[in-house]
Structure formats: structure tokens, C-alpha cells
All heavy atoms as atom14 arrays in JSON, in Angstrom:
{
  "sequence": "LRNDPAKVFKPIAHESTTTTGLHHVDGTISMARYAPGSAQAEFF",
  "atom14_mask": [
    [1, 1, 1, 1, 1, 1, 1, 1, 0, 0, 0, 0, 0, 0],
    [1, 1, 1, 1, 1, 1, 1, 1, 1, 1, 1, 0, 0, 0],
    [1, 1, 1, 1, 1, 1, 1, 1, 0, 0, 0, 0, 0, 0],
    [1, 1, 1, 1, 1, 1, 1, 1, 0, 0, 0, 0, 0, 0],
    [1, 1, 1, 1, 1, 1, 1, 0, 0, 0, 0, 0, 0, 0],
    [1, 1, 1, 1, 1, 0, 0, 0, 0, 0, 0, 0, 0, 0],
    [1, 1, 1, 1, 1, 1, 1, 1, 1, 0, 0, 0, 0, 0],
    [1, 1, 1, 1, 1, 1, 1, 0, 0, 0, 0, 0, 0, 0],
    [1, 1, 1, 1, 1, 1, 1, 1, 1, 1, 1, 0, 0, 0],
    [1, 1, 1, 1, 1, 1, 1, 1, 1, 0, 0, 0, 0, 0],
    [1, 1, 1, 1, 1, 1, 1, 0, 0, 0, 0, 0, 0, 0],
    [1, 1, 1, 1, 1, 1, 1, 1, 0, 0, 0, 0, 0, 0],
    [1, 1, 1, 1, 1, 0, 0, 0, 0, 0, 0, 0, 0, 0],
    [1, 1, 1, 1, 1, 1, 1, 1, 1, 1, 0, 0, 0, 0],
    [1, 1, 1, 1, 1, 1, 1, 1, 1, 0, 0, 0, 0, 0],
    [1, 1, 1, 1, 1, 1, 0, 0, 0, 0, 0, 0, 0, 0],
    [1, 1, 1, 1, 1, 1, 1, 0, 0, 0, 0, 0, 0, 0],
    [1, 1, 1, 1, 1, 1, 1, 0, 0, 0, 0, 0, 0, 0],
    [1, 1, 1, 1, 1, 1, 1, 0, 0, 0, 0, 0, 0, 0],
    [1, 1, 1, 1, 1, 1, 1, 0, 0, 0, 0, 0, 0, 0],
    [1, 1, 1, 1, 0, 0, 0, 0, 0, 0, 0, 0, 0, 0],
    [1, 1, 1, 1, 1, 1, 1, 1, 0, 0, 0, 0, 0, 0],
    [1, 1, 1, 1, 1, 1, 1, 1, 1, 1, 0, 0, 0, 0],
    [1, 1, 1, 1, 1, 1, 1, 1, 1, 1, 0, 0, 0, 0],
    [1, 1, 1, 1, 1, 1, 1, 0, 0, 0, 0, 0, 0, 0],
    [1, 1, 1, 1, 1, 1, 1, 1, 0, 0, 0, 0, 0, 0],
    [1, 1, 1, 1, 0, 0, 0, 0, 0, 0, 0, 0, 0, 0],
    [1, 1, 1, 1, 1, 1, 1, 0, 0, 0, 0, 0, 0, 0],
    [1, 1, 1, 1, 1, 1, 1, 1, 0, 0, 0, 0, 0, 0],
    [1, 1, 1, 1, 1, 1, 0, 0, 0, 0, 0, 0, 0, 0],
    [1, 1, 1, 1, 1, 1, 1, 1, 0, 0, 0, 0, 0, 0],
    [1, 1, 1, 1, 1, 0, 0, 0, 0, 0, 0, 0, 0, 0],
    [1, 1, 1, 1, 1, 1, 1, 1, 1, 1, 1, 0, 0, 0],
    [1, 1, 1, 1, 1, 1, 1, 1, 1, 1, 1, 1, 0, 0],
    [1, 1, 1, 1, 1, 0, 0, 0, 0, 0, 0, 0, 0, 0],
    [1, 1, 1, 1, 1, 1, 1, 0, 0, 0, 0, 0, 0, 0],
    [1, 1, 1, 1, 0, 0, 0, 0, 0, 0, 0, 0, 0, 0],
    [1, 1, 1, 1, 1, 1, 0, 0, 0, 0, 0, 0, 0, 0],
    [1, 1, 1, 1, 1, 0, 0, 0, 0, 0, 0, 0, 0, 0],
    [1, 1, 1, 1, 1, 1, 1, 1, 1, 0, 0, 0, 0, 0],
    [1, 1, 1, 1, 1, 0, 0, 0, 0, 0, 0, 0, 0, 0],
    [1, 1, 1, 1, 1, 1, 1, 1, 1, 0, 0, 0, 0, 0],
    [1, 1, 1, 1, 1, 1, 1, 1, 1, 1, 1, 0, 0, 0],
    [1, 1, 1, 1, 1, 1, 1, 1, 1, 1, 1, 0, 0, 0]
  ],
  "atom14_positions": [
    [[0.77, -1.14, 0.0], [-0.02, -0.01, -0.03], [0.89, 1.32, 0.02], [0.27, 2.33, 0.17], [-0.94, -0.01, 1.31], [-2.0, -1.21, 1.22], [-2.64, -1.21, 2.57], [-2.9, -1.11, 0.05], [0.0, 0.0, 0.0], [0.0, 0.0, 0.0], [0.0, 0.0, 0.0], [0.0, 0.0, 0.0], [0.0, 0.0, 0.0], [0.0, 0.0, 0.0]],
    [[2.21, 1.09, -0.08], [3.11, 2.24, -0.08], [2.72, 3.1, 1.12], [2.91, 4.32, 1.04], [3.04, 3.01, -1.36], [3.4, 2.14, -2.52], [3.42, 2.73, -3.92], [4.7, 3.33, -4.14], [5.27, 3.75, -5.25], [4.42, 3.63, -6.35], [6.39, 4.33, -5.4], [0.0, 0.0, 0.0], [0.0, 0.0, 0.0], [0.0, 0.0, 0.0]],
    [[2.54, 2.5, 2.29], [2.36, 3.2, 3.54], [1.17, 4.21, 3.44], [1.34, 5.34, 4.25], [3.68, 3.84, 4.0], [4.68, 2.78, 4.25], [4.41, 1.72, 4.89], [5.92, 2.95, 3.79], [0.0, 0.0, 0.0], [0.0, 0.0, 0.0], [0.0, 0.0, 0.0], [0.0, 0.0, 0.0], [0.0, 0.0, 0.0], [0.0, 0.0, 0.0]],
    [[0.21, 4.01, 2.76], [-1.0, 4.9, 2.75], [-1.64, 4.9, 4.13], [-2.16, 3.97, 4.49], [-2.01, 4.28, 1.73], [-3.22, 5.21, 1.58], [-3.5, 6.01, 2.44], [-3.96, 5.03, 0.53], [0.0, 0.0, 0.0], [0.0, 0.0, 0.0], [0.0, 0.0, 0.0], [0.0, 0.0, 0.0], [0.0, 0.0, 0.0], [0.0, 0.0, 0.0]],
    [[-1.56, 6.08, 4.78], [-2.0, 6.23, 6.06], [-3.55, 5.88, 6.26], [-3.99, 5.52, 7.41], [-1.71, 7.62, 6.54], [-1.52, 8.32, 5.31], [-1.03, 7.41, 4.28], [0.0, 0.0, 0.0], [0.0, 0.0, 0.0], [0.0, 0.0, 0.0], [0.0, 0.0, 0.0], [0.0, 0.0, 0.0], [0.0, 0.0, 0.0], [0.0, 0.0, 0.0]],
    [[-4.27, 5.92, 5.22], [-5.7, 5.72, 5.33], [-5.97, 4.15, 5.29], [-7.19, 3.8, 5.65], [-6.5, 6.35, 4.13], [0.0, 0.0, 0.0], [0.0, 0.0, 0.0], [0.0, 0.0, 0.0], [0.0, 0.0, 0.0], [0.0, 0.0, 0.0], [0.0, 0.0, 0.0], [0.0, 0.0, 0.0], [0.0, 0.0, 0.0], [0.0, 0.0, 0.0]],
    [[-5.01, 3.38, 4.92], [-5.22, 1.99, 4.66], [-4.41, 1.03, 5.51], [-4.8, -0.12, 5.68], [-4.98, 1.59, 3.25], [-5.96, 2.24, 2.29], [-5.78, 1.8, 0.74], [-6.73, 2.33, -0.09], [-6.54, 1.98, -1.53], [0.0, 0.0, 0.0], [0.0, 0.0, 0.0], [0.0, 0.0, 0.0], [0.0, 0.0, 0.0], [0.0, 0.0, 0.0]],
    [[-3.34, 1.47, 6.19], [-2.5, 0.61, 6.96], [-2.91, 0.44, 8.32], [-3.48, 1.39, 8.92], [-1.0, 1.12, 6.9], [-0.45, 1.11, 5.49], [-0.87, 2.48, 7.54], [0.0, 0.0, 0.0], [0.0, 0.0, 0.0], [0.0, 0.0, 0.0], [0.0, 0.0, 0.0], [0.0, 0.0, 0.0], [0.0, 0.0, 0.0], [0.0, 0.0, 0.0]],
    [[-2.7, -0.74, 8.87], [-2.93, -1.03, 10.27], [-1.7, -0.72, 11.06], [-0.66, -0.44, 10.53], [-3.41, -2.51, 10.4], [-4.66, -2.81, 9.74], [-4.73, -3.79, 8.73], [-5.83, -2.21, 10.04], [-5.9, -4.17, 8.1], [-7.1, -2.47, 9.44], [-7.12, -3.51, 8.51], [0.0, 0.0, 0.0], [0.0, 0.0, 0.0], [0.0, 0.0, 0.0]],
    [[-1.83, -0.88, 12.37], [-0.61, -0.69, 13.27], [0.54, -1.63, 12.91], [0.22, -2.8, 12.53], [-1.04, -0.71, 14.79], [-1.95, 0.29, 15.1], [-2.26, 0.16, 16.56], [-3.18, 1.29, 17.17], [-3.61, 1.13, 18.51], [0.0, 0.0, 0.0], [0.0, 0.0, 0.0], [0.0, 0.0, 0.0], [0.0, 0.0, 0.0], [0.0, 0.0, 0.0]],
    [[1.83, -1.19, 13.15], [2.91, -2.12, 12.98], [2.84, -3.32, 13.74], [2.18, -3.36, 14.82], [4.1, -1.23, 13.31], [3.63, 0.15, 13.17], [2.22, 0.1, 13.58], [0.0, 0.0, 0.0], [0.0, 0.0, 0.0], [0.0, 0.0, 0.0], [0.0, 0.0, 0.0], [0.0, 0.0, 0.0], [0.0, 0.0, 0.0], [0.0, 0.0, 0.0]],
    [[3.53, -4.4, 13.38], [3.48, -5.66, 14.13], [4.84, -5.95, 14.66], [5.92, -5.44, 14.23], [2.95, -6.88, 13.26], [3.86, -6.93, 11.97], [1.54, -6.61, 12.9], [3.62, -8.21, 11.23], [0.0, 0.0, 0.0], [0.0, 0.0, 0.0], [0.0, 0.0, 0.0], [0.0, 0.0, 0.0], [0.0, 0.0, 0.0], [0.0, 0.0, 0.0]],
    [[4.88, -6.86, 15.71], [6.13, -7.33, 16.26], [6.83, -8.13, 15.23], [6.29, -8.82, 14.26], [5.81, -8.25, 17.43], [0.0, 0.0, 0.0], [0.0, 0.0, 0.0], [0.0, 0.0, 0.0], [0.0, 0.0, 0.0], [0.0, 0.0, 0.0], [0.0, 0.0, 0.0], [0.0, 0.0, 0.0], [0.0, 0.0, 0.0], [0.0, 0.0, 0.0]],
    [[8.21, -8.04, 15.16], [9.04, -8.7, 14.23], [9.24, -10.25, 14.59], [9.59, -10.47, 15.75], [10.4, -7.95, 14.25], [11.31, -8.66, 13.15], [11.16, -8.63, 11.91], [12.5, -9.25, 13.37], [12.18, -9.14, 11.22], [12.98, -9.55, 12.12], [0.0, 0.0, 0.0], [0.0, 0.0, 0.0], [0.0, 0.0, 0.0], [0.0, 0.0, 0.0]],
    [[9.03, -11.02, 13.65], [9.28, -12.47, 13.85], [10.51, -12.9, 12.98], [10.33, -13.01, 11.68], [8.08, -13.37, 13.43], [6.87, -13.22, 14.25], [5.65, -13.98, 13.91], [5.22, -13.79, 12.7], [5.16, -14.81, 14.63], [0.0, 0.0, 0.0], [0.0, 0.0, 0.0], [0.0, 0.0, 0.0], [0.0, 0.0, 0.0], [0.0, 0.0, 0.0]],
    [[11.58, -13.05, 13.7], [12.92, -13.29, 13.01], [12.99, -14.66, 12.49], [12.32, -15.58, 12.95], [14.01, -13.07, 14.06], [15.25, -13.64, 13.57], [0.0, 0.0, 0.0], [0.0, 0.0, 0.0], [0.0, 0.0, 0.0], [0.0, 0.0, 0.0], [0.0, 0.0, 0.0], [0.0, 0.0, 0.0], [0.0, 0.0, 0.0], [0.0, 0.0, 0.0]],
    [[13.79, -14.82, 11.38], [14.08, -16.13, 10.85], [14.72, -17.15, 11.7], [14.53, -18.31, 11.63], [14.76, -16.03, 9.49], [16.05, -15.35, 9.71], [13.93, -15.34, 8.42], [0.0, 0.0, 0.0], [0.0, 0.0, 0.0], [0.0, 0.0, 0.0], [0.0, 0.0, 0.0], [0.0, 0.0, 0.0], [0.0, 0.0, 0.0], [0.0, 0.0, 0.0]],
    [[15.42, -16.55, 12.76], [16.02, -17.47, 13.67], [14.91, -18.03, 14.67], [15.15, -19.11, 15.26], [17.08, -16.65, 14.64], [16.44, -15.63, 15.19], [18.27, -16.32, 13.81], [0.0, 0.0, 0.0], [0.0, 0.0, 0.0], [0.0, 0.0, 0.0], [0.0, 0.0, 0.0], [0.0, 0.0, 0.0], [0.0, 0.0, 0.0], [0.0, 0.0, 0.0]],
    [[13.75, -17.38, 14.74], [12.78, -17.89, 15.54], [11.81, -18.79, 14.69], [11.38, -19.86, 15.19], [11.86, -16.71, 16.07], [12.8, -15.87, 16.95], [10.75, -17.23, 17.01], [0.0, 0.0, 0.0], [0.0, 0.0, 0.0], [0.0, 0.0, 0.0], [0.0, 0.0, 0.0], [0.0, 0.0, 0.0], [0.0, 0.0, 0.0], [0.0, 0.0, 0.0]],
    [[11.51, -18.38, 13.58], [10.46, -19.09, 12.75], [11.05, -20.3, 12.01], [10.33, -21.24, 11.64], [9.87, -18.23, 11.62], [10.9, -17.79, 10.69], [9.21, -17.02, 12.21], [0.0, 0.0, 0.0], [0.0, 0.0, 0.0], [0.0, 0.0, 0.0], [0.0, 0.0, 0.0], [0.0, 0.0, 0.0], [0.0, 0.0, 0.0], [0.0, 0.0, 0.0]],
    [[12.45, -20.21, 11.67], [13.09, -21.41, 10.97], [12.83, -21.22, 9.38], [13.27, -22.1, 8.66], [0.0, 0.0, 0.0], [0.0, 0.0, 0.0], [0.0, 0.0, 0.0], [0.0, 0.0, 0.0], [0.0, 0.0, 0.0], [0.0, 0.0, 0.0], [0.0, 0.0, 0.0], [0.0, 0.0, 0.0], [0.0, 0.0, 0.0], [0.0, 0.0, 0.0]],
    [[12.12, -20.15, 8.99], [11.92, -19.91, 7.61], [13.13, -19.14, 7.05], [13.89, -18.51, 7.77], [10.63, -19.11, 7.38], [9.37, -19.71, 7.89], [8.18, -18.7, 7.85], [9.0, -20.97, 7.21], [0.0, 0.0, 0.0], [0.0, 0.0, 0.0], [0.0, 0.0, 0.0], [0.0, 0.0, 0.0], [0.0, 0.0, 0.0], [0.0, 0.0, 0.0]],
    [[13.3, -19.33, 5.74], [14.52, -18.69, 5.04], [14.0, -18.08, 3.71], [12.96, -18.43, 3.17], [15.66, -19.74, 4.76], [16.11, -20.42, 6.01], [17.0, -19.69, 6.9], [15.83, -21.58, 6.68], [17.22, -20.45, 8.03], [16.55, -21.56, 7.83], [0.0, 0.0, 0.0], [0.0, 0.0, 0.0], [0.0, 0.0, 0.0], [0.0, 0.0, 0.0]],
    [[14.82, -17.06, 3.41], [14.54, -16.42, 2.11], [15.15, -17.02, 0.84], [16.13, -16.66, 0.3], [15.08, -14.97, 2.23], [14.34, -14.07, 3.25], [14.65, -14.13, 4.6], [13.27, -13.29, 3.11], [13.8, -13.17, 5.19], [12.89, -12.84, 4.28], [0.0, 0.0, 0.0], [0.0, 0.0, 0.0], [0.0, 0.0, 0.0], [0.0, 0.0, 0.0]],
    [[14.34, -18.17, 0.57], [14.69, -18.89, -0.55], [13.75, -18.5, -1.77], [12.8, -17.68, -1.57], [14.53, -20.44, -0.34], [15.59, -20.84, 0.73], [13.12, -20.77, 0.15], [0.0, 0.0, 0.0], [0.0, 0.0, 0.0], [0.0, 0.0, 0.0], [0.0, 0.0, 0.0], [0.0, 0.0, 0.0], [0.0, 0.0, 0.0], [0.0, 0.0, 0.0]],
    [[13.88, -19.01, -2.98], [13.15, -18.76, -4.15], [11.67, -18.9, -3.79], [11.24, -19.99, -3.32], [13.51, -19.66, -5.31], [12.9, -19.34, -6.6], [12.75, -18.13, -6.92], [12.42, -20.23, -7.29], [0.0, 0.0, 0.0], [0.0, 0.0, 0.0], [0.0, 0.0, 0.0], [0.0, 0.0, 0.0], [0.0, 0.0, 0.0], [0.0, 0.0, 0.0]],
    [[10.88, -17.9, -4.08], [9.39, -17.95, -3.77], [9.04, -17.52, -2.41], [7.7, -17.49, -2.11], [0.0, 0.0, 0.0], [0.0, 0.0, 0.0], [0.0, 0.0, 0.0], [0.0, 0.0, 0.0], [0.0, 0.0, 0.0], [0.0, 0.0, 0.0], [0.0, 0.0, 0.0], [0.0, 0.0, 0.0], [0.0, 0.0, 0.0], [0.0, 0.0, 0.0]],
    [[9.86, -17.26, -1.53], [9.5, -16.77, -0.17], [8.82, -15.39, -0.21], [9.21, -14.56, -0.9], [10.69, -16.78, 0.83], [11.25, -18.05, 0.91], [10.34, -16.19, 2.21], [0.0, 0.0, 0.0], [0.0, 0.0, 0.0], [0.0, 0.0, 0.0], [0.0, 0.0, 0.0], [0.0, 0.0, 0.0], [0.0, 0.0, 0.0], [0.0, 0.0, 0.0]],
    [[7.68, -15.32, 0.6], [7.13, -13.96, 0.89], [7.56, -13.54, 2.25], [7.53, -14.24, 3.16], [5.56, -14.01, 0.66], [5.02, -12.61, 0.79], [4.89, -15.05, 1.5], [3.6, -12.52, 0.41], [0.0, 0.0, 0.0], [0.0, 0.0, 0.0], [0.0, 0.0, 0.0], [0.0, 0.0, 0.0], [0.0, 0.0, 0.0], [0.0, 0.0, 0.0]],
    [[7.79, -12.28, 2.31], [8.43, -11.72, 3.47], [7.85, -10.29, 3.71], [7.46, -9.68, 2.72], [9.91, -11.75, 3.47], [10.5, -11.38, 4.74], [0.0, 0.0, 0.0], [0.0, 0.0, 0.0], [0.0, 0.0, 0.0], [0.0, 0.0, 0.0], [0.0, 0.0, 0.0], [0.0, 0.0, 0.0], [0.0, 0.0, 0.0], [0.0, 0.0, 0.0]],
    [[7.98, -9.77, 4.93], [7.54, -8.32, 5.21], [8.66, -7.39, 4.99], [9.84, -7.59, 5.52], [6.99, -8.21, 6.6], [5.78, -9.02, 6.87], [4.36, -8.49, 5.77], [4.02, -6.93, 6.32], [0.0, 0.0, 0.0], [0.0, 0.0, 0.0], [0.0, 0.0, 0.0], [0.0, 0.0, 0.0], [0.0, 0.0, 0.0], [0.0, 0.0, 0.0]],
    [[8.4, -6.3, 4.29], [9.32, -5.18, 4.15], [9.29, -4.39, 5.56], [8.2, -4.45, 6.21], [8.98, -4.34, 3.01], [0.0, 0.0, 0.0], [0.0, 0.0, 0.0], [0.0, 0.0, 0.0], [0.0, 0.0, 0.0], [0.0, 0.0, 0.0], [0.0, 0.0, 0.0], [0.0, 0.0, 0.0], [0.0, 0.0, 0.0], [0.0, 0.0, 0.0]],
    [[10.35, -3.76, 5.91], [10.29, -2.95, 7.08], [11.41, -2.0, 7.05], [12.32, -2.01, 6.2], [10.54, -3.92, 8.25], [11.89, -4.53, 8.31], [12.07, -5.24, 9.72], [13.45, -5.96, 9.78], [14.58, -5.33, 10.19], [14.54, -4.11, 10.51], [15.66, -6.05, 10.31], [0.0, 0.0, 0.0], [0.0, 0.0, 0.0], [0.0, 0.0, 0.0]],
    [[11.33, -1.0, 8.01], [12.45, -0.15, 8.36], [13.13, -0.81, 9.62], [13.97, -1.77, 9.48], [12.09, 1.32, 8.63], [11.58, 1.95, 7.19], [10.19, 2.07, 7.1], [12.47, 2.22, 6.21], [9.8, 2.73, 5.93], [12.0, 2.83, 5.02], [10.64, 3.07, 4.92], [10.28, 3.55, 3.73], [0.0, 0.0, 0.0], [0.0, 0.0, 0.0]],
    [[12.87, -0.32, 10.79], [13.42, -0.92, 11.98], [12.53, -2.12, 12.34], [11.4, -2.37, 11.92], [13.18, 0.11, 13.14], [0.0, 0.0, 0.0], [0.0, 0.0, 0.0], [0.0, 0.0, 0.0], [0.0, 0.0, 0.0], [0.0, 0.0, 0.0], [0.0, 0.0, 0.0], [0.0, 0.0, 0.0], [0.0, 0.0, 0.0], [0.0, 0.0, 0.0]],
    [[13.07, -3.17, 13.09], [12.3, -4.19, 13.55], [11.08, -3.78, 14.34], [11.21, -2.86, 15.17], [13.31, -5.01, 14.46], [14.71, -4.58, 14.06], [14.53, -3.17, 13.58], [0.0, 0.0, 0.0], [0.0, 0.0, 0.0], [0.0, 0.0, 0.0], [0.0, 0.0, 0.0], [0.0, 0.0, 0.0], [0.0, 0.0, 0.0], [0.0, 0.0, 0.0]],
    [[9.98, -4.4, 13.97], [8.7, -3.91, 14.58], [7.95, -2.9, 13.93], [7.03, -2.33, 14.43], [0.0, 0.0, 0.0], [0.0, 0.0, 0.0], [0.0, 0.0, 0.0], [0.0, 0.0, 0.0], [0.0, 0.0, 0.0], [0.0, 0.0, 0.0], [0.0, 0.0, 0.0], [0.0, 0.0, 0.0], [0.0, 0.0, 0.0], [0.0, 0.0, 0.0]],
    [[8.35, -2.44, 12.69], [7.78, -1.35, 11.91], [7.03, -1.9, 10.78], [6.32, -1.06, 10.07], [8.77, -0.34, 11.48], [9.69, -1.0, 10.5], [0.0, 0.0, 0.0], [0.0, 0.0, 0.0], [0.0, 0.0, 0.0], [0.0, 0.0, 0.0], [0.0, 0.0, 0.0], [0.0, 0.0, 0.0], [0.0, 0.0, 0.0], [0.0, 0.0, 0.0]],
    [[6.95, -3.22, 10.48], [6.18, -3.77, 9.29], [4.77, -3.52, 9.38], [4.14, -3.68, 10.52], [6.55, -5.19, 9.21], [0.0, 0.0, 0.0], [0.0, 0.0, 0.0], [0.0, 0.0, 0.0], [0.0, 0.0, 0.0], [0.0, 0.0, 0.0], [0.0, 0.0, 0.0], [0.0, 0.0, 0.0], [0.0, 0.0, 0.0], [0.0, 0.0, 0.0]],
    [[4.14, -3.1, 8.31], [2.73, -2.99, 8.2], [2.11, -3.72, 7.02], [1.66, -4.75, 7.19], [2.48, -1.47, 8.18], [2.69, -0.7, 9.39], [2.49, 0.74, 9.3], [3.14, 1.49, 8.59], [1.51, 1.3, 9.95], [0.0, 0.0, 0.0], [0.0, 0.0, 0.0], [0.0, 0.0, 0.0], [0.0, 0.0, 0.0], [0.0, 0.0, 0.0]],
    [[2.14, -3.03, 5.83], [1.43, -3.75, 4.73], [2.43, -3.94, 3.51], [1.95, -4.56, 2.52], [0.31, -2.78, 4.15], [0.0, 0.0, 0.0], [0.0, 0.0, 0.0], [0.0, 0.0, 0.0], [0.0, 0.0, 0.0], [0.0, 0.0, 0.0], [0.0, 0.0, 0.0], [0.0, 0.0, 0.0], [0.0, 0.0, 0.0], [0.0, 0.0, 0.0]],
    [[3.65, -3.58, 3.57], [4.61, -3.72, 2.49], [5.14, -5.15, 2.57], [5.68, -5.54, 3.68], [5.57, -2.72, 2.52], [5.13, -1.23, 2.62], [3.99, -1.0, 1.58], [4.08, -1.05, 0.41], [2.91, -0.65, 2.14], [0.0, 0.0, 0.0], [0.0, 0.0, 0.0], [0.0, 0.0, 0.0], [0.0, 0.0, 0.0], [0.0, 0.0, 0.0]],
    [[5.27, -5.81, 1.51], [5.78, -7.17, 1.41], [6.67, -7.4, 0.17], [6.49, -6.61, -0.67], [4.63, -8.24, 1.58], [3.73, -8.21, 0.34], [3.93, -8.91, -0.83], [2.6, -7.41, 0.34], [3.07, -8.81, -1.98], [1.77, -7.26, -0.75], [1.98, -7.98, -1.91], [0.0, 0.0, 0.0], [0.0, 0.0, 0.0], [0.0, 0.0, 0.0]],
    [[7.35, -8.48, 0.12], [8.13, -8.78, -1.0], [8.21, -10.27, -1.25], [8.03, -11.04, -0.35], [9.57, -8.14, -1.03], [10.45, -8.64, 0.12], [11.23, -9.8, -0.04], [10.51, -7.88, 1.35], [12.01, -10.2, 0.99], [11.3, -8.34, 2.4], [12.15, -9.52, 2.11], [0.0, 0.0, 0.0], [0.0, 0.0, 0.0], [0.0, 0.0, 0.0]]
  ]
}
């Protein structure tokens, strides 16, 4: 949503790959962020 303030919800806590066991391999979907705990609606 390109951080559209009218559409985004509050940021969420960061779930690190060391905790989840998931990795950024071909086809992985992940959250874009600035600082840890700042992710909202942007993904890659």
C-alpha cells in the first residue's frame, strides 16, 4: 500500500527467521520494514 495512512494497520512485532526457521529462498514471501517492529502492509 506504499504506507498509505488511510489503509495501513498498526505495525506488528518482528518474527525473526532465527525464531520461525523460515528462510529467504526462491518464492518466499516476507515483510518489508525499516526498524524491527515497523512492518505494516509492504511485502516482497
